């Protein structure tokens, strides 16, 4: 109910859309826990290159939502054959920073006291340090249990494979990729996003991306999925911002 609505707006504007599943999802082979952000960027580049081999003509672009924002930035920064990039609720901060922010916001929404919030954030910091210092999954589980945290504190890992994936992406810095991008880039955010620190992220895009290439749009009322209302729908102005950017970028 989310991406089909976006695809509908793009198709109605004459913009073709092709998407693919992560490794191990849907019809894709492999295992998603073996693909960090760099590997996902390589997969996205391979998909684009395959489309071009099949005869799809440029201009072509990349659209990535949330974690996919890091992926498309990395792909474009590494020279993927693109003519524009869209980072949809794409964090400008590393995953550790983004996940800590999301945890804090979720605790506050749940009505936790200031002391409870601080305690959970300290547990998150301890877990992040275990990832950075190479602590094995089983040992990390035992330490988190000792801290009284068994219901997930950011970077939720169900098994050792997911733990190692978290380790591989924890401190991924999107800024070098932003700095290397040489095609038009749209960074779209919703003001009500509780997952991504919007103000900080927008400032980082503005500091790292060439001003003549960058468009930052922050939409009032939009959440992490750029939705609002009940039932949920895309926030006003979203489709115009996305479609208008793409059509301008490919002229």
Protein backbone atom coordinates (compact mmCIF):
# COMPACT_ATOMS: atom_id res chain seq x y z
CA UNK A 1 0.00 0.00 0.00
CA UNK A 2 3.04 2.31 0.02
CA UNK A 3 5.29 1.82 -2.99
CA UNK A 4 2.41 1.01 -5.40
CA UNK A 5 1.00 4.49 -4.80
CA UNK A 6 4.37 6.05 -5.58
CA UNK A 7 4.79 3.90 -8.67
CA UNK A 8 1.32 4.95 -9.79
CA UNK A 9 2.26 8.63 -9.73
CA UNK A 10 5.48 7.97 -11.65
CA UNK A 11 3.78 5.84 -14.29
CA UNK A 12 1.03 8.42 -14.73
CA UNK A 13 3.74 10.98 -15.51
CA UNK A 14 5.30 8.73 -18.14
CA UNK A 15 8.21 7.64 -15.94
CA UNK A 16 8.92 3.90 -16.22
CA UNK A 17 9.64 2.01 -13.00
CA UNK A 18 11.67 -1.16 -12.41
CA UNK A 19 12.26 -2.61 -8.95
CA UNK A 20 14.02 -5.70 -7.62
CA UNK A 21 13.99 -7.77 -4.47
CA UNK A 22 16.82 -7.89 -1.95
CA UNK A 23 18.93 -11.01 -1.88
CA UNK A 24 16.89 -13.93 -0.62
CA UNK A 25 13.59 -12.02 -0.85
CA UNK A 26 10.88 -12.84 -3.37
CA UNK A 27 12.48 -14.30 -6.47
CA UNK A 28 16.04 -13.24 -5.68
CA UNK A 29 18.68 -15.79 -4.77
CA UNK A 30 21.17 -15.37 -1.95
CA UNK A 31 20.74 -14.23 1.64
CA UNK A 32 19.88 -10.68 2.71
CA UNK A 33 21.94 -10.95 5.89
CA UNK A 34 25.06 -11.26 3.74
CA UNK A 35 24.53 -7.92 2.00
CA UNK A 36 25.56 -4.77 3.82
CA UNK A 37 25.06 -1.31 2.38
CA UNK A 38 28.01 -1.51 0.00
CA UNK A 39 26.90 -4.91 -1.29
CA UNK A 40 23.35 -3.61 -1.77
CA UNK A 41 24.77 -0.67 -3.73
CA UNK A 42 26.63 -3.14 -5.93
CA UNK A 43 23.38 -5.06 -6.46
CA UNK A 44 21.55 -1.87 -7.46
CA UNK A 45 24.32 -0.99 -9.91
CA UNK A 46 24.22 -4.48 -11.40
CA UNK A 47 20.44 -4.20 -11.85
CA UNK A 48 20.84 -0.87 -13.66
CA UNK A 49 23.59 -2.20 -15.89
CA UNK A 50 21.45 -5.24 -16.76
CA UNK A 51 18.57 -2.97 -17.78
CA UNK A 52 20.90 -1.03 -20.07
CA UNK A 53 22.16 -4.26 -21.63
CA UNK A 54 18.54 -5.25 -22.27
CA UNK A 55 18.10 -2.06 -24.28
CA UNK A 56 16.61 0.37 -21.78
CA UNK A 57 17.81 3.80 -22.80
CA UNK A 58 19.01 6.56 -20.56
CA UNK A 59 18.19 8.75 -18.73
CA UNK A 60 17.74 6.44 -15.75
CA UNK A 61 17.83 7.12 -12.03
CA UNK A 62 17.81 5.48 -8.62
CA UNK A 63 15.14 5.78 -5.92
CA UNK A 64 15.88 4.51 -2.42
CA UNK A 65 13.66 4.68 0.65
CA UNK A 66 14.98 4.76 4.24
CA UNK A 67 17.93 2.33 4.34
CA UNK A 68 17.70 2.41 0.57
CA UNK A 69 18.72 6.05 0.79
CA UNK A 70 22.18 5.02 1.99
CA UNK A 71 22.25 2.41 -0.78
CA UNK A 72 21.47 4.73 -3.69
CA UNK A 73 23.90 7.35 -2.42
CA UNK A 74 26.62 4.74 -2.24
CA UNK A 75 25.80 3.40 -5.69
CA UNK A 76 25.80 6.84 -7.31
CA UNK A 77 28.93 7.85 -5.44
CA UNK A 78 30.68 4.75 -6.78
CA UNK A 79 29.84 5.61 -10.38
CA UNK A 80 26.60 3.76 -11.11
CA UNK A 81 25.26 4.71 -14.57
CA UNK A 82 22.59 7.11 -13.33
CA UNK A 83 21.33 10.52 -14.37
CA UNK A 84 19.62 11.41 -11.07
CA UNK A 85 19.16 10.07 -7.53
CA UNK A 86 16.22 10.23 -5.11
CA UNK A 87 16.83 9.59 -1.40
CA UNK A 88 13.37 9.16 0.13
CA UNK A 89 13.59 9.58 3.93
CA UNK A 90 17.25 8.70 3.45
CA UNK A 91 19.33 9.43 6.57
CA UNK A 92 22.29 11.75 6.29
CA UNK A 93 23.77 10.18 9.43
CA UNK A 94 25.27 6.71 10.04
CA UNK A 95 22.95 3.82 10.97
CA UNK A 96 24.04 3.90 14.62
CA UNK A 97 23.03 7.55 14.93
CA UNK A 98 19.77 7.04 13.06
CA UNK A 99 18.78 3.98 15.07
CA UNK A 100 19.56 5.69 18.37
CA UNK A 101 17.33 8.60 17.35
CA UNK A 102 14.52 6.21 16.35
CA UNK A 103 14.81 4.37 19.67
CA UNK A 104 14.64 7.61 21.64
CA UNK A 105 11.57 8.78 19.73
CA UNK A 106 9.78 5.44 20.17
CA UNK A 107 10.43 5.46 23.92
CA UNK A 108 9.09 9.00 24.24
CA UNK A 109 5.98 8.09 22.22
CA UNK A 110 5.44 5.15 24.56
CA UNK A 111 5.40 7.53 27.54
CA UNK A 112 8.60 6.29 29.16
CA UNK A 113 10.07 8.48 31.89
CA UNK A 114 13.25 10.47 31.33
CA UNK A 115 15.12 7.99 33.51
CA UNK A 116 13.83 5.02 31.53
CA UNK A 117 14.76 6.69 28.25
CA UNK A 118 18.29 7.42 29.49
CA UNK A 119 18.73 3.85 30.69
CA UNK A 120 17.66 2.37 27.36
CA UNK A 121 19.91 4.74 25.43
CA UNK A 122 22.85 3.73 27.63
CA UNK A 123 22.03 0.10 26.83
CA UNK A 124 21.97 0.97 23.12
CA UNK A 125 25.38 2.63 23.45
CA UNK A 126 26.73 -0.46 25.21
CA UNK A 127 25.39 -2.68 22.44
CA UNK A 128 26.91 -0.46 19.73
CA UNK A 129 30.27 -0.65 21.48
CA UNK A 130 30.02 -4.44 21.55
CA UNK A 131 29.47 -4.41 17.81
CA UNK A 132 32.45 -2.14 17.27
CA UNK A 133 34.77 -4.22 19.45
CA UNK A 134 33.91 -7.59 17.90
CA UNK A 135 31.89 -9.16 20.71
CA UNK A 136 30.19 -12.35 19.50
CA UNK A 137 26.41 -12.59 19.33
CA UNK A 138 26.00 -15.04 22.20
CA UNK A 139 28.18 -12.97 24.52
CA UNK A 140 26.32 -9.81 23.52
CA UNK A 141 23.01 -11.49 24.33
CA UNK A 142 24.27 -12.40 27.80
CA UNK A 143 25.52 -8.87 28.45
CA UNK A 144 22.28 -7.27 27.29
CA UNK A 145 20.33 -9.66 29.50
CA UNK A 146 22.48 -8.59 32.43
CA UNK A 147 21.53 -4.99 31.63
CA UNK A 148 17.87 -6.00 31.76
CA UNK A 149 17.28 -5.41 28.06
CA UNK A 150 15.79 -8.41 26.28
CA UNK A 151 13.16 -6.87 24.03
CA UNK A 152 15.43 -5.22 21.49
CA UNK A 153 17.35 -1.97 21.72
CA UNK A 154 17.85 -0.70 18.19
CA UNK A 155 19.82 -2.99 15.86
CA UNK A 156 17.61 -5.90 16.86
CA UNK A 157 19.43 -9.12 15.94
CA UNK A 158 17.55 -12.41 15.95
CA UNK A 159 20.65 -14.48 15.31
CA UNK A 160 24.40 -14.33 14.75
CA UNK A 161 24.02 -13.54 11.04
CA UNK A 162 21.90 -10.47 11.71
CA UNK A 163 24.33 -9.43 14.44
CA UNK A 164 27.21 -9.52 11.96
CA UNK A 165 25.17 -7.57 9.41
CA UNK A 166 24.55 -4.90 12.05
CA UNK A 167 28.27 -4.80 12.71
CA UNK A 168 29.02 -4.25 9.03
CA UNK A 169 26.68 -1.26 8.65
CA UNK A 170 26.81 0.30 12.13
CA UNK A 171 29.09 3.24 11.34
CA UNK A 172 28.58 3.57 7.61
CA UNK A 173 29.15 7.24 6.78
CA UNK A 174 27.13 8.47 3.78
CA UNK A 175 29.03 11.76 3.48
CA UNK A 176 31.88 10.58 1.22
CA UNK A 177 29.35 9.19 -1.28
CA UNK A 178 27.36 12.43 -1.16
CA UNK A 179 30.51 14.40 -1.88
CA UNK A 180 31.27 12.29 -4.98
CA UNK A 181 27.81 12.47 -6.54
CA UNK A 182 27.81 14.39 -9.82
CA UNK A 183 24.17 14.11 -10.89
CA UNK A 184 21.01 15.83 -9.59
CA UNK A 185 19.98 14.56 -6.17
CA UNK A 186 16.61 14.94 -4.44
CA UNK A 187 16.49 14.43 -0.67
CA UNK A 188 12.86 14.10 0.42
CA UNK A 189 11.79 14.18 4.07
CA UNK A 190 8.62 14.40 6.14
CA UNK A 191 8.51 16.80 9.08
CA UNK A 192 6.86 14.16 11.28
CA UNK A 193 9.48 11.47 10.61
CA UNK A 194 10.18 9.64 13.90
CA UNK A 195 12.81 7.33 12.37
CA UNK A 196 15.28 9.74 10.76
CA UNK A 197 16.65 12.96 12.30
CA UNK A 198 15.41 15.21 9.53
CA UNK A 199 17.04 18.52 10.45
CA UNK A 200 20.49 17.02 10.96
CA UNK A 201 20.21 14.89 7.83
CA UNK A 202 19.12 17.80 5.63
CA UNK A 203 22.03 19.89 6.92
CA UNK A 204 24.50 17.14 6.05
CA UNK A 205 23.15 16.84 2.51
CA UNK A 206 23.51 20.59 2.13
CA UNK A 207 27.08 20.52 3.44
CA UNK A 208 28.27 17.60 1.30
CA UNK A 209 26.41 17.72 -2.03
CA UNK A 210 27.19 20.29 -4.69
CA UNK A 211 24.57 23.06 -4.30
CA UNK A 212 23.80 23.11 -8.02
CA UNK A 213 22.89 19.41 -7.91
CA UNK A 214 20.94 19.25 -4.66
CA UNK A 215 17.24 19.68 -3.98
CA UNK A 216 16.03 19.20 -0.39
CA UNK A 217 12.28 19.04 0.21
CA UNK A 218 10.82 18.72 3.73
CA UNK A 219 7.07 18.19 3.58
CA UNK A 220 4.77 19.29 6.42
CA UNK A 221 2.72 16.48 7.93
CA UNK A 222 4.69 13.66 6.35
CA UNK A 223 5.95 10.73 8.42
CA UNK A 224 8.83 8.38 7.58
CA UNK A 225 6.82 7.01 4.69
CA UNK A 226 5.72 10.50 3.59
CA UNK A 227 2.20 9.59 4.64
CA UNK A 228 -0.50 11.29 6.67
CA UNK A 229 -4.17 10.86 7.59
CA UNK A 230 -6.38 7.88 8.35
CA UNK A 231 -6.36 5.85 6.20
CA UNK A 232 -2.75 6.67 5.41
CA UNK A 233 -2.02 8.43 2.14
CA UNK A 234 0.91 10.27 0.62
CA UNK A 235 1.23 13.74 2.08
CA UNK A 236 0.18 16.70 -0.07
CA UNK A 237 2.96 17.89 -2.36
CA UNK A 238 4.87 14.61 -2.37
CA UNK A 239 3.98 13.45 -5.87
CA UNK A 240 4.56 16.92 -7.34
CA UNK A 241 7.97 17.18 -5.69
CA UNK A 242 9.10 13.74 -6.85
CA UNK A 243 7.74 13.84 -10.37
CA UNK A 244 8.77 17.46 -10.92
CA UNK A 245 12.35 16.76 -9.85
CA UNK A 246 12.70 13.73 -12.14
CA UNK A 247 11.24 15.47 -15.19
CA UNK A 248 13.52 18.47 -14.63
CA UNK A 249 16.56 16.25 -14.13
CA UNK A 250 16.10 14.37 -17.42
CA UNK A 251 15.34 17.31 -19.68
